[in-house]
Amino acid sequence: GYVLPARIIQLIADLGNVSVQISVDGMEETHN
């Protein structure tokens, strides 16, 4: 989820049968 251009996000939404799993490893300082 670090670099997801707006055009890719919109494409995912338009396709309709694509879900997304994103990794987040804690709050801001920990994740960074």
All heavy atoms as atom14 arrays in JSON, in Angstrom:
{
  "sequence": "GYVLPARIIQLIADLGNVSVQISVDGMEETHN",
  "atom14_mask": [
    [1, 1, 1, 1, 0, 0, 0, 0, 0, 0, 0, 0, 0, 0],
    [1, 1, 1, 1, 1, 1, 1, 1, 1, 1, 1, 1, 0, 0],
    [1, 1, 1, 1, 1, 1, 1, 0, 0, 0, 0, 0, 0, 0],
    [1, 1, 1, 1, 1, 1, 1, 1, 0, 0, 0, 0, 0, 0],
    [1, 1, 1, 1, 1, 1, 1, 0, 0, 0, 0, 0, 0, 0],
    [1, 1, 1, 1, 1, 0, 0, 0, 0, 0, 0, 0, 0, 0],
    [1, 1, 1, 1, 1, 1, 1, 1, 1, 1, 1, 0, 0, 0],
    [1, 1, 1, 1, 1, 1, 1, 1, 0, 0, 0, 0, 0, 0],
    [1, 1, 1, 1, 1, 1, 1, 1, 0, 0, 0, 0, 0, 0],
    [1, 1, 1, 1, 1, 1, 1, 1, 1, 0, 0, 0, 0, 0],
    [1, 1, 1, 1, 1, 1, 1, 1, 0, 0, 0, 0, 0, 0],
    [1, 1, 1, 1, 1, 1, 1, 1, 0, 0, 0, 0, 0, 0],
    [1, 1, 1, 1, 1, 0, 0, 0, 0, 0, 0, 0, 0, 0],
    [1, 1, 1, 1, 1, 1, 1, 1, 0, 0, 0, 0, 0, 0],
    [1, 1, 1, 1, 1, 1, 1, 1, 0, 0, 0, 0, 0, 0],
    [1, 1, 1, 1, 0, 0, 0, 0, 0, 0, 0, 0, 0, 0],
    [1, 1, 1, 1, 1, 1, 1, 1, 0, 0, 0, 0, 0, 0],
    [1, 1, 1, 1, 1, 1, 1, 0, 0, 0, 0, 0, 0, 0],
    [1, 1, 1, 1, 1, 1, 0, 0, 0, 0, 0, 0, 0, 0],
    [1, 1, 1, 1, 1, 1, 1, 0, 0, 0, 0, 0, 0, 0],
    [1, 1, 1, 1, 1, 1, 1, 1, 1, 0, 0, 0, 0, 0],
    [1, 1, 1, 1, 1, 1, 1, 1, 0, 0, 0, 0, 0, 0],
    [1, 1, 1, 1, 1, 1, 0, 0, 0, 0, 0, 0, 0, 0],
    [1, 1, 1, 1, 1, 1, 1, 0, 0, 0, 0, 0, 0, 0],
    [1, 1, 1, 1, 1, 1, 1, 1, 0, 0, 0, 0, 0, 0],
    [1, 1, 1, 1, 0, 0, 0, 0, 0, 0, 0, 0, 0, 0],
    [1, 1, 1, 1, 1, 1, 1, 1, 0, 0, 0, 0, 0, 0],
    [1, 1, 1, 1, 1, 1, 1, 1, 1, 0, 0, 0, 0, 0],
    [1, 1, 1, 1, 1, 1, 1, 1, 1, 0, 0, 0, 0, 0],
    [1, 1, 1, 1, 1, 1, 1, 0, 0, 0, 0, 0, 0, 0],
    [1, 1, 1, 1, 1, 1, 1, 1, 1, 1, 0, 0, 0, 0],
    [1, 1, 1, 1, 1, 1, 1, 1, 0, 0, 0, 0, 0, 0]
  ],
  "atom14_positions": [
    [[0.79, -1.23, 0.0], [0.0, 0.0, 0.0], [0.82, 1.27, 0.0], [0.26, 2.37, 0.15], [0.0, 0.0, 0.0], [0.0, 0.0, 0.0], [0.0, 0.0, 0.0], [0.0, 0.0, 0.0], [0.0, 0.0, 0.0], [0.0, 0.0, 0.0], [0.0, 0.0, 0.0], [0.0, 0.0, 0.0], [0.0, 0.0, 0.0], [0.0, 0.0, 0.0]],
    [[2.12, 1.15, -0.18], [3.0, 2.31, -0.07], [2.88, 3.21, -1.3], [2.78, 4.44, -1.17], [4.45, 1.82, 0.1], [5.47, 2.9, 0.29], [5.34, 3.87, 1.28], [6.62, 2.94, -0.51], [6.3, 4.85, 1.46], [7.59, 3.91, -0.34], [7.42, 4.87, 0.65], [8.37, 5.84, 0.82], [0.0, 0.0, 0.0], [0.0, 0.0, 0.0]],
    [[2.88, 2.61, -2.48], [2.73, 3.37, -3.71], [1.58, 2.76, -4.51], [1.74, 1.72, -5.15], [4.02, 3.37, -4.55], [3.8, 4.14, -5.84], [5.18, 3.97, -3.76], [0.0, 0.0, 0.0], [0.0, 0.0, 0.0], [0.0, 0.0, 0.0], [0.0, 0.0, 0.0], [0.0, 0.0, 0.0], [0.0, 0.0, 0.0], [0.0, 0.0, 0.0]],
    [[0.42, 3.39, -4.45], [-0.74, 2.97, -5.24], [-1.25, 4.19, -6.0], [-2.0, 5.0, -5.45], [-1.84, 2.41, -4.34], [-1.71, 0.96, -3.86], [-2.88, 0.59, -2.97], [-1.63, 0.01, -5.05], [0.0, 0.0, 0.0], [0.0, 0.0, 0.0], [0.0, 0.0, 0.0], [0.0, 0.0, 0.0], [0.0, 0.0, 0.0], [0.0, 0.0, 0.0]],
    [[-0.86, 4.34, -7.25], [-1.31, 5.49, -8.02], [-2.83, 5.55, -8.11], [-3.5, 4.51, -8.06], [-0.69, 5.25, -9.4], [0.46, 4.32, -9.16], [0.04, 3.46, -8.02], [0.0, 0.0, 0.0], [0.0, 0.0, 0.0], [0.0, 0.0, 0.0], [0.0, 0.0, 0.0], [0.0, 0.0, 0.0], [0.0, 0.0, 0.0], [0.0, 0.0, 0.0]],
    [[-3.35, 6.74, -8.25], [-4.8, 6.92, -8.32], [-5.41, 6.11, -9.46], [-6.52, 5.58, -9.34], [-5.13, 8.41, -8.49], [0.0, 0.0, 0.0], [0.0, 0.0, 0.0], [0.0, 0.0, 0.0], [0.0, 0.0, 0.0], [0.0, 0.0, 0.0], [0.0, 0.0, 0.0], [0.0, 0.0, 0.0], [0.0, 0.0, 0.0], [0.0, 0.0, 0.0]],
    [[-4.68, 5.99, -10.58], [-5.23, 5.25, -11.72], [-5.36, 3.76, -11.4], [-6.29, 3.1, -11.88], [-4.34, 5.44, -12.95], [-2.89, 5.02, -12.75], [-2.02, 5.28, -13.96], [-0.62, 4.98, -13.71], [-0.1, 3.76, -13.71], [-0.89, 2.72, -13.99], [1.18, 3.57, -13.46], [0.0, 0.0, 0.0], [0.0, 0.0, 0.0], [0.0, 0.0, 0.0]],
    [[-4.46, 3.22, -10.57], [-4.56, 1.81, -10.18], [-5.71, 1.62, -9.2], [-6.47, 0.65, -9.27], [-3.23, 1.31, -9.59], [-2.13, 1.32, -10.65], [-3.4, -0.08, -8.98], [-2.39, 0.37, -11.81], [0.0, 0.0, 0.0], [0.0, 0.0, 0.0], [0.0, 0.0, 0.0], [0.0, 0.0, 0.0], [0.0, 0.0, 0.0], [0.0, 0.0, 0.0]],
    [[-5.84, 2.54, -8.26], [-6.94, 2.47, -7.31], [-8.27, 2.51, -8.03], [-9.2, 1.74, -7.75], [-6.83, 3.61, -6.28], [-5.63, 3.38, -5.37], [-8.11, 3.72, -5.45], [-5.37, 4.49, -4.37], [0.0, 0.0, 0.0], [0.0, 0.0, 0.0], [0.0, 0.0, 0.0], [0.0, 0.0, 0.0], [0.0, 0.0, 0.0], [0.0, 0.0, 0.0]],
    [[-8.39, 3.41, -9.02], [-9.64, 3.52, -9.77], [-9.88, 2.26, -10.61], [-11.02, 1.79, -10.74], [-9.61, 4.75, -10.69], [-10.95, 5.06, -11.34], [-12.04, 5.29, -10.31], [-11.9, 6.12, -9.41], [-13.15, 4.56, -10.44], [0.0, 0.0, 0.0], [0.0, 0.0, 0.0], [0.0, 0.0, 0.0], [0.0, 0.0, 0.0], [0.0, 0.0, 0.0]],
    [[-8.83, 1.7, -11.17], [-8.96, 0.47, -11.95], [-9.48, -0.66, -11.07], [-10.39, -1.41, -11.47], [-7.61, 0.08, -12.55], [-7.56, -1.29, -13.26], [-8.51, -1.31, -14.45], [-6.13, -1.61, -13.7], [0.0, 0.0, 0.0], [0.0, 0.0, 0.0], [0.0, 0.0, 0.0], [0.0, 0.0, 0.0], [0.0, 0.0, 0.0], [0.0, 0.0, 0.0]],
    [[-8.93, -0.79, -9.88], [-9.38, -1.83, -8.96], [-10.87, -1.66, -8.67], [-11.64, -2.63, -8.67], [-8.56, -1.78, -7.65], [-7.1, -2.19, -7.93], [-9.17, -2.67, -6.58], [-6.17, -1.94, -6.76], [0.0, 0.0, 0.0], [0.0, 0.0, 0.0], [0.0, 0.0, 0.0], [0.0, 0.0, 0.0], [0.0, 0.0, 0.0], [0.0, 0.0, 0.0]],
    [[-11.27, -0.43, -8.42], [-12.68, -0.16, -8.14], [-13.55, -0.5, -9.35], [-14.64, -1.07, -9.21], [-12.86, 1.29, -7.74], [0.0, 0.0, 0.0], [0.0, 0.0, 0.0], [0.0, 0.0, 0.0], [0.0, 0.0, 0.0], [0.0, 0.0, 0.0], [0.0, 0.0, 0.0], [0.0, 0.0, 0.0], [0.0, 0.0, 0.0], [0.0, 0.0, 0.0]],
    [[-13.1, -0.14, -10.54], [-13.89, -0.37, -11.75], [-14.05, -1.85, -12.07], [-15.09, -2.28, -12.59], [-13.25, 0.34, -12.94], [-13.33, 1.86, -12.84], [-14.17, 2.36, -12.07], [-12.55, 2.54, -13.54], [0.0, 0.0, 0.0], [0.0, 0.0, 0.0], [0.0, 0.0, 0.0], [0.0, 0.0, 0.0], [0.0, 0.0, 0.0], [0.0, 0.0, 0.0]],
    [[-13.04, -2.65, -11.76], [-13.1, -4.08, -12.08], [-14.17, -4.8, -11.27], [-14.82, -5.72, -11.76], [-11.73, -4.73, -11.85], [-10.64, -4.31, -12.83], [-9.29, -4.9, -12.43], [-10.99, -4.72, -14.26], [0.0, 0.0, 0.0], [0.0, 0.0, 0.0], [0.0, 0.0, 0.0], [0.0, 0.0, 0.0], [0.0, 0.0, 0.0], [0.0, 0.0, 0.0]],
    [[-14.34, -4.41, -10.02], [-15.47, -4.89, -9.25], [-15.28, -6.2, -8.5], [-16.01, -6.45, -7.53], [0.0, 0.0, 0.0], [0.0, 0.0, 0.0], [0.0, 0.0, 0.0], [0.0, 0.0, 0.0], [0.0, 0.0, 0.0], [0.0, 0.0, 0.0], [0.0, 0.0, 0.0], [0.0, 0.0, 0.0], [0.0, 0.0, 0.0], [0.0, 0.0, 0.0]],
    [[-14.36, -7.06, -8.92], [-14.17, -8.34, -8.22], [-12.76, -8.49, -7.66], [-12.28, -9.59, -7.45], [-14.48, -9.51, -9.16], [-13.52, -9.58, -10.34], [-12.91, -8.59, -10.72], [-13.4, -10.76, -10.93], [0.0, 0.0, 0.0], [0.0, 0.0, 0.0], [0.0, 0.0, 0.0], [0.0, 0.0, 0.0], [0.0, 0.0, 0.0], [0.0, 0.0, 0.0]],
    [[-12.12, -7.35, -7.4], [-10.77, -7.35, -6.83], [-10.82, -6.76, -5.43], [-11.28, -5.63, -5.24], [-9.78, -6.54, -7.69], [-8.4, -6.54, -7.05], [-9.72, -7.09, -9.11], [0.0, 0.0, 0.0], [0.0, 0.0, 0.0], [0.0, 0.0, 0.0], [0.0, 0.0, 0.0], [0.0, 0.0, 0.0], [0.0, 0.0, 0.0], [0.0, 0.0, 0.0]],
    [[-10.4, -7.54, -4.44], [-10.24, -7.01, -3.09], [-8.75, -6.81, -2.82], [-7.9, -7.32, -3.56], [-10.86, -7.96, -2.06], [-10.25, -9.24, -2.13], [0.0, 0.0, 0.0], [0.0, 0.0, 0.0], [0.0, 0.0, 0.0], [0.0, 0.0, 0.0], [0.0, 0.0, 0.0], [0.0, 0.0, 0.0], [0.0, 0.0, 0.0], [0.0, 0.0, 0.0]],
    [[-8.45, -6.09, -1.76], [-7.05, -5.72, -1.5], [-6.7, -6.06, -0.06], [-7.48, -5.78, 0.87], [-6.82, -4.21, -1.75], [-5.38, -3.83, -1.44], [-7.17, -3.85, -3.2], [0.0, 0.0, 0.0], [0.0, 0.0, 0.0], [0.0, 0.0, 0.0], [0.0, 0.0, 0.0], [0.0, 0.0, 0.0], [0.0, 0.0, 0.0], [0.0, 0.0, 0.0]],
    [[-5.54, -6.68, 0.13], [-5.0, -6.89, 1.47], [-3.71, -6.11, 1.61], [-2.8, -6.23, 0.79], [-4.75, -8.36, 1.78], [-4.14, -8.55, 3.17], [-4.27, -9.94, 3.71], [-5.34, -10.54, 3.66], [-3.18, -10.49, 4.24], [0.0, 0.0, 0.0], [0.0, 0.0, 0.0], [0.0, 0.0, 0.0], [0.0, 0.0, 0.0], [0.0, 0.0, 0.0]],
    [[-3.65, -5.31, 2.66], [-2.52, -4.41, 2.9], [-1.91, -4.71, 4.26], [-2.62, -4.97, 5.23], [-2.97, -2.93, 2.81], [-3.41, -2.6, 1.38], [-1.86, -1.99, 3.26], [-3.95, -1.19, 1.2], [0.0, 0.0, 0.0], [0.0, 0.0, 0.0], [0.0, 0.0, 0.0], [0.0, 0.0, 0.0], [0.0, 0.0, 0.0], [0.0, 0.0, 0.0]],
    [[-0.6, -4.66, 4.34], [0.1, -4.9, 5.6], [0.37, -3.59, 6.31], [0.91, -2.65, 5.72], [1.43, -5.63, 5.34], [1.21, -6.86, 4.69], [0.0, 0.0, 0.0], [0.0, 0.0, 0.0], [0.0, 0.0, 0.0], [0.0, 0.0, 0.0], [0.0, 0.0, 0.0], [0.0, 0.0, 0.0], [0.0, 0.0, 0.0], [0.0, 0.0, 0.0]],
    [[0.0, -3.52, 7.58], [0.32, -2.38, 8.43], [0.92, -2.95, 9.71], [0.3, -3.79, 10.37], [-0.92, -1.52, 8.74], [-0.53, -0.35, 9.63], [-1.58, -1.03, 7.46], [0.0, 0.0, 0.0], [0.0, 0.0, 0.0], [0.0, 0.0, 0.0], [0.0, 0.0, 0.0], [0.0, 0.0, 0.0], [0.0, 0.0, 0.0], [0.0, 0.0, 0.0]],
    [[2.09, -2.51, 10.09], [2.84, -3.17, 11.16], [2.85, -2.41, 12.48], [3.73, -2.62, 13.31], [4.28, -3.41, 10.7], [4.33, -4.38, 9.53], [3.58, -5.38, 9.56], [5.08, -4.14, 8.58], [0.0, 0.0, 0.0], [0.0, 0.0, 0.0], [0.0, 0.0, 0.0], [0.0, 0.0, 0.0], [0.0, 0.0, 0.0], [0.0, 0.0, 0.0]],
    [[1.87, -1.55, 12.68], [1.78, -0.8, 13.92], [1.37, 0.63, 13.62], [1.05, 0.97, 12.47], [0.0, 0.0, 0.0], [0.0, 0.0, 0.0], [0.0, 0.0, 0.0], [0.0, 0.0, 0.0], [0.0, 0.0, 0.0], [0.0, 0.0, 0.0], [0.0, 0.0, 0.0], [0.0, 0.0, 0.0], [0.0, 0.0, 0.0], [0.0, 0.0, 0.0]],
    [[1.38, 1.48, 14.64], [1.09, 2.88, 14.41], [2.29, 3.55, 13.73], [3.27, 2.88, 13.39], [0.74, 3.55, 15.74], [-0.55, 3.01, 16.37], [-2.01, 3.14, 15.27], [-2.24, 4.93, 15.26], [0.0, 0.0, 0.0], [0.0, 0.0, 0.0], [0.0, 0.0, 0.0], [0.0, 0.0, 0.0], [0.0, 0.0, 0.0], [0.0, 0.0, 0.0]],
    [[2.23, 4.84, 13.53], [3.11, 5.52, 12.58], [4.6, 5.26, 12.8], [5.3, 4.83, 11.88], [2.83, 7.02, 12.6], [3.61, 7.78, 11.53], [3.08, 9.19, 11.32], [2.18, 9.62, 12.08], [3.56, 9.85, 10.38], [0.0, 0.0, 0.0], [0.0, 0.0, 0.0], [0.0, 0.0, 0.0], [0.0, 0.0, 0.0], [0.0, 0.0, 0.0]],
    [[5.1, 5.53, 13.99], [6.54, 5.39, 14.21], [7.01, 3.94, 14.02], [8.04, 3.67, 13.39], [6.89, 5.88, 15.63], [8.38, 5.99, 15.91], [9.0, 4.67, 16.35], [8.26, 3.85, 16.95], [10.2, 4.44, 16.07], [0.0, 0.0, 0.0], [0.0, 0.0, 0.0], [0.0, 0.0, 0.0], [0.0, 0.0, 0.0], [0.0, 0.0, 0.0]],
    [[6.23, 3.02, 14.56], [6.58, 1.6, 14.46], [6.54, 1.12, 13.02], [7.47, 0.45, 12.53], [5.63, 0.74, 15.32], [5.71, 1.16, 16.68], [5.96, -0.74, 15.21], [0.0, 0.0, 0.0], [0.0, 0.0, 0.0], [0.0, 0.0, 0.0], [0.0, 0.0, 0.0], [0.0, 0.0, 0.0], [0.0, 0.0, 0.0], [0.0, 0.0, 0.0]],
    [[5.47, 1.47, 12.32], [5.32, 1.03, 10.92], [6.44, 1.6, 10.05], [7.05, 0.87, 9.25], [3.96, 1.48, 10.39], [3.71, 1.08, 8.96], [3.27, -0.17, 8.6], [3.86, 1.77, 7.79], [3.14, -0.25, 7.28], [3.49, 0.92, 6.78], [0.0, 0.0, 0.0], [0.0, 0.0, 0.0], [0.0, 0.0, 0.0], [0.0, 0.0, 0.0]],
    [[6.74, 2.87, 10.2], [7.78, 3.49, 9.37], [9.15, 2.86, 9.64], [9.93, 2.63, 8.7], [7.85, 5.0, 9.65], [6.66, 5.75, 9.09], [5.9, 5.21, 8.29], [6.47, 6.98, 9.51], [0.0, 0.0, 0.0], [0.0, 0.0, 0.0], [0.0, 0.0, 0.0], [0.0, 0.0, 0.0], [0.0, 0.0, 0.0], [0.0, 0.0, 0.0]]
  ]
}
